[in-house]
């Protein structure tokens, strides 16, 4: 996924989490969002040459 695709997906998951706070899959979606955020951080660090 590109950086922009990851950012878009994080936004979609944020929206879903905001509107489905009591859904049974809330924690799973939250976990997915956190993984994507970490993936984005890693991508940005790699672009800057930081490892």
PDB file of N, CA and C in Angstrom:
ATOM      1  N   UNK A   1       0.834  -1.177   0.000  1.00  0.00           N
ATOM      2  CA  UNK A   1       0.000   0.000   0.000  1.00  0.00           C
ATOM      3  C   UNK A   1       0.885   1.248   0.000  1.00  0.00           C
ATOM      4  N   UNK A   2       0.438   2.244  -0.707  1.00  0.00           N
ATOM      5  CA  UNK A   2       1.157   3.517  -0.707  1.00  0.00           C
ATOM      6  C   UNK A   2       0.822   4.280   0.585  1.00  0.00           C
ATOM      7  N   UNK A   3       1.616   5.319   0.865  1.00  0.00           N
ATOM      8  CA  UNK A   3       1.350   6.146   2.042  1.00  0.00           C
ATOM      9  C   UNK A   3      -0.059   6.712   2.000  1.00  0.00           C
ATOM     10  N   UNK A   4      -0.465   7.190   0.838  1.00  0.00           N
ATOM     11  CA  UNK A   4      -1.801   7.791   0.724  1.00  0.00           C
ATOM     12  C   UNK A   4      -2.892   6.756   0.948  1.00  0.00           C
ATOM     13  N   UNK A   5      -2.702   5.552   0.441  1.00  0.00           N
ATOM     14  CA  UNK A   5      -3.690   4.496   0.649  1.00  0.00           C
ATOM     15  C   UNK A   5      -3.810   4.150   2.133  1.00  0.00           C
ATOM     16  N   UNK A   6      -2.675   4.118   2.814  1.00  0.00           N
ATOM     17  CA  UNK A   6      -2.691   3.831   4.246  1.00  0.00           C
ATOM     18  C   UNK A   6      -3.419   4.943   4.991  1.00  0.00           C
ATOM     19  N   UNK A   7      -3.113   6.195   4.656  1.00  0.00           N
ATOM     20  CA  UNK A   7      -3.789   7.324   5.296  1.00  0.00           C
ATOM     21  C   UNK A   7      -5.293   7.272   5.066  1.00  0.00           C
ATOM     22  N   UNK A   8      -5.692   6.939   3.847  1.00  0.00           N
ATOM     23  CA  UNK A   8      -7.119   6.837   3.528  1.00  0.00           C
ATOM     24  C   UNK A   8      -7.790   5.737   4.341  1.00  0.00           C
ATOM     25  N   UNK A   9      -7.114   4.606   4.444  1.00  0.00           N
ATOM     26  CA  UNK A   9      -7.682   3.481   5.189  1.00  0.00           C
ATOM     27  C   UNK A   9      -7.786   3.814   6.670  1.00  0.00           C
ATOM     28  N   UNK A  10      -6.785   4.496   7.225  1.00  0.00           N
ATOM     29  CA  UNK A  10      -6.843   4.926   8.623  1.00  0.00           C
ATOM     30  C   UNK A  10      -8.044   5.843   8.839  1.00  0.00           C
ATOM     31  N   UNK A  11      -8.274   6.754   7.910  1.00  0.00           N
ATOM     32  CA  UNK A  11      -9.429   7.658   8.006  1.00  0.00           C
ATOM     33  C   UNK A  11     -10.744   6.886   7.976  1.00  0.00           C
ATOM     34  N   UNK A  12     -10.822   5.892   7.101  1.00  0.00           N
ATOM     35  CA  UNK A  12     -12.032   5.062   7.019  1.00  0.00           C
ATOM     36  C   UNK A  12     -12.264   4.321   8.333  1.00  0.00           C
ATOM     37  N   UNK A  13     -11.189   3.779   8.897  1.00  0.00           N
ATOM     38  CA  UNK A  13     -11.326   3.041  10.145  1.00  0.00           C
ATOM     39  C   UNK A  13     -11.686   3.971  11.296  1.00  0.00           C
ATOM     40  N   UNK A  14     -11.123   5.185  11.303  1.00  0.00           N
ATOM     41  CA  UNK A  14     -11.493   6.187  12.311  1.00  0.00           C
ATOM     42  C   UNK A  14     -12.991   6.470  12.256  1.00  0.00           C
ATOM     43  N   UNK A  15     -13.493   6.661  11.054  1.00  0.00           N
ATOM     44  CA  UNK A  15     -14.919   6.929  10.864  1.00  0.00           C
ATOM     45  C   UNK A  15     -15.746   5.757  11.385  1.00  0.00           C
ATOM     46  N   UNK A  16     -15.346   4.542  11.007  1.00  0.00           N
ATOM     47  CA  UNK A  16     -16.073   3.346  11.438  1.00  0.00           C
ATOM     48  C   UNK A  16     -16.059   3.244  12.959  1.00  0.00           C
ATOM     49  N   UNK A  17     -14.888   3.446  13.565  1.00  0.00           N
ATOM     50  CA  UNK A  17     -14.776   3.341  15.025  1.00  0.00           C
ATOM     51  C   UNK A  17     -15.652   4.372  15.730  1.00  0.00           C
ATOM     52  N   UNK A  18     -15.707   5.580  15.173  1.00  0.00           N
ATOM     53  CA  UNK A  18     -16.524   6.637  15.760  1.00  0.00           C
ATOM     54  C   UNK A  18     -18.003   6.274  15.735  1.00  0.00           C
ATOM     55  N   UNK A  19     -18.422   5.612  14.680  1.00  0.00           N
ATOM     56  CA  UNK A  19     -19.842   5.315  14.498  1.00  0.00           C
ATOM     57  C   UNK A  19     -20.272   3.920  14.940  1.00  0.00           C
ATOM     58  N   UNK A  20     -19.320   3.133  15.431  1.00  0.00           N
ATOM     59  CA  UNK A  20     -19.647   1.757  15.828  1.00  0.00           C
ATOM     60  C   UNK A  20     -18.979   1.388  17.151  1.00  0.00           C
ATOM     61  N   UNK A  21     -19.048   2.300  18.102  1.00  0.00           N
ATOM     62  CA  UNK A  21     -18.331   2.126  19.369  1.00  0.00           C
ATOM     63  C   UNK A  21     -18.740   0.863  20.137  1.00  0.00           C
ATOM     64  N   UNK A  22     -19.931   0.368  19.913  1.00  0.00           N
ATOM     65  CA  UNK A  22     -20.403  -0.805  20.659  1.00  0.00           C
ATOM     66  C   UNK A  22     -20.458  -2.067  19.807  1.00  0.00           C
ATOM     67  N   UNK A  23     -19.880  -2.016  18.628  1.00  0.00           N
ATOM     68  CA  UNK A  23     -19.878  -3.171  17.736  1.00  0.00           C
ATOM     69  C   UNK A  23     -18.965  -4.259  18.294  1.00  0.00           C
ATOM     70  N   UNK A  24     -19.317  -5.506  18.053  1.00  0.00           N
ATOM     71  CA  UNK A  24     -18.520  -6.618  18.575  1.00  0.00           C
ATOM     72  C   UNK A  24     -17.111  -6.662  17.975  1.00  0.00           C
ATOM     73  N   UNK A  25     -16.920  -6.106  16.795  1.00  0.00           N
ATOM     74  CA  UNK A  25     -15.605  -6.118  16.149  1.00  0.00           C
ATOM     75  C   UNK A  25     -14.794  -4.850  16.399  1.00  0.00           C
ATOM     76  N   UNK A  26     -15.239  -4.021  17.331  1.00  0.00           N
ATOM     77  CA  UNK A  26     -14.572  -2.740  17.594  1.00  0.00           C
ATOM     78  C   UNK A  26     -13.084  -2.934  17.888  1.00  0.00           C
ATOM     79  N   UNK A  27     -12.748  -3.848  18.777  1.00  0.00           N
ATOM     80  CA  UNK A  27     -11.336  -4.023  19.165  1.00  0.00           C
ATOM     81  C   UNK A  27     -10.502  -4.549  18.003  1.00  0.00           C
ATOM     82  N   UNK A  28     -11.090  -5.379  17.169  1.00  0.00           N
ATOM     83  CA  UNK A  28     -10.372  -5.890  15.999  1.00  0.00           C
ATOM     84  C   UNK A  28     -10.062  -4.761  15.020  1.00  0.00           C
ATOM     85  N   UNK A  29     -11.033  -3.902  14.775  1.00  0.00           N
ATOM     86  CA  UNK A  29     -10.838  -2.774  13.866  1.00  0.00           C
ATOM     87  C   UNK A  29      -9.827  -1.792  14.458  1.00  0.00           C
ATOM     88  N   UNK A  30      -9.892  -1.574  15.759  1.00  0.00           N
ATOM     89  CA  UNK A  30      -8.937  -0.698  16.425  1.00  0.00           C
ATOM     90  C   UNK A  30      -7.516  -1.246  16.281  1.00  0.00           C
ATOM     91  N   UNK A  31      -7.362  -2.545  16.433  1.00  0.00           N
ATOM     92  CA  UNK A  31      -6.060  -3.197  16.254  1.00  0.00           C
ATOM     93  C   UNK A  31      -5.554  -2.993  14.823  1.00  0.00           C
ATOM     94  N   UNK A  32      -6.423  -3.189  13.848  1.00  0.00           N
ATOM     95  CA  UNK A  32      -6.051  -2.980  12.443  1.00  0.00           C
ATOM     96  C   UNK A  32      -5.597  -1.543  12.201  1.00  0.00           C
ATOM     97  N   UNK A  33      -6.310  -0.599  12.798  1.00  0.00           N
ATOM     98  CA  UNK A  33      -5.956   0.819  12.643  1.00  0.00           C
ATOM     99  C   UNK A  33      -4.572   1.100  13.231  1.00  0.00           C
ATOM    100  N   UNK A  34      -4.318   0.570  14.410  1.00  0.00           N
ATOM    101  CA  UNK A  34      -3.018   0.777  15.051  1.00  0.00           C
ATOM    102  C   UNK A  34      -1.888   0.156  14.236  1.00  0.00           C
ATOM    103  N   UNK A  35      -2.133  -0.994  13.640  1.00  0.00           N
ATOM    104  CA  UNK A  35      -1.127  -1.633  12.786  1.00  0.00           C
ATOM    105  C   UNK A  35      -0.839  -0.776  11.553  1.00  0.00           C
ATOM    106  N   UNK A  36      -1.876  -0.207  10.973  1.00  0.00           N
ATOM    107  CA  UNK A  36      -1.690   0.669   9.817  1.00  0.00           C
ATOM    108  C   UNK A  36      -0.934   1.940  10.203  1.00  0.00           C
ATOM    109  N   UNK A  37      -1.238   2.486  11.375  1.00  0.00           N
ATOM    110  CA  UNK A  37      -0.518   3.670  11.837  1.00  0.00           C
ATOM    111  C   UNK A  37       0.965   3.368  12.009  1.00  0.00           C
ATOM    112  N   UNK A  38       1.271   2.186  12.541  1.00  0.00           N
ATOM    113  CA  UNK A  38       2.675   1.802  12.704  1.00  0.00           C
ATOM    114  C   UNK A  38       3.333   1.595  11.343  1.00  0.00           C
ATOM    115  N   UNK A  39       2.602   1.007  10.411  1.00  0.00           N
ATOM    116  CA  UNK A  39       3.118   0.809   9.052  1.00  0.00           C
ATOM    117  C   UNK A  39       3.432   2.152   8.399  1.00  0.00           C
ATOM    118  N   UNK A  40       2.577   3.135   8.605  1.00  0.00           N
ATOM    119  CA  UNK A  40       2.785   4.469   8.059  1.00  0.00           C
ATOM    120  C   UNK A  40       4.029   5.114   8.673  1.00  0.00           C
ATOM    121  N   UNK A  41       4.188   4.987   9.984  1.00  0.00           N
ATOM    122  CA  UNK A  41       5.373   5.526  10.655  1.00  0.00           C
ATOM    123  C   UNK A  41       6.632   4.894  10.086  1.00  0.00           C
ATOM    124  N   UNK A  42       6.613   3.595   9.913  1.00  0.00           N
ATOM    125  CA  UNK A  42       7.773   2.880   9.365  1.00  0.00           C
ATOM    126  C   UNK A  42       8.093   3.351   7.954  1.00  0.00           C
ATOM    127  N   UNK A  43       7.077   3.505   7.129  1.00  0.00           N
ATOM    128  CA  UNK A  43       7.285   3.991   5.763  1.00  0.00           C
ATOM    129  C   UNK A  43       7.910   5.384   5.762  1.00  0.00           C
ATOM    130  N   UNK A  44       7.396   6.261   6.612  1.00  0.00           N
ATOM    131  CA  UNK A  44       7.907   7.622   6.670  1.00  0.00           C
ATOM    132  C   UNK A  44       9.352   7.643   7.179  1.00  0.00           C
ATOM    133  N   UNK A  45       9.659   6.806   8.136  1.00  0.00           N
ATOM    134  CA  UNK A  45      11.024   6.726   8.649  1.00  0.00           C
ATOM    135  C   UNK A  45      11.978   6.207   7.571  1.00  0.00           C
ATOM    136  N   UNK A  46      11.538   5.215   6.830  1.00  0.00           N
ATOM    137  CA  UNK A  46      12.372   4.667   5.754  1.00  0.00           C
ATOM    138  C   UNK A  46      12.640   5.690   4.661  1.00  0.00           C
ATOM    139  N   UNK A  47      11.655   6.533   4.415  1.00  0.00           N
ATOM    140  CA  UNK A  47      11.832   7.594   3.417  1.00  0.00           C
ATOM    141  C   UNK A  47      12.878   8.601   3.870  1.00  0.00           C
ATOM    142  N   UNK A  48      12.987   8.791   5.164  1.00  0.00           N
ATOM    143  CA  UNK A  48      13.939   9.745   5.716  1.00  0.00           C
ATOM    144  C   UNK A  48      15.292   9.097   5.998  1.00  0.00           C
ATOM    145  N   UNK A  49      15.397   7.802   5.781  1.00  0.00           N
ATOM    146  CA  UNK A  49      16.645   7.105   6.006  1.00  0.00           C
ATOM    147  C   UNK A  49      16.896   6.753   7.460  1.00  0.00           C
ATOM    148  N   UNK A  50      15.850   6.792   8.265  1.00  0.00           N
ATOM    149  CA  UNK A  50      15.954   6.436   9.681  1.00  0.00           C
ATOM    150  C   UNK A  50      15.486   4.998   9.833  1.00  0.00           C
ATOM    151  N   UNK A  51      16.261   4.210  10.554  1.00  0.00           N
ATOM    152  CA  UNK A  51      15.857   2.807  10.774  1.00  0.00           C
ATOM    153  C   UNK A  51      15.917   2.441  12.218  1.00  0.00           C
TER     154      UNK A  51
END
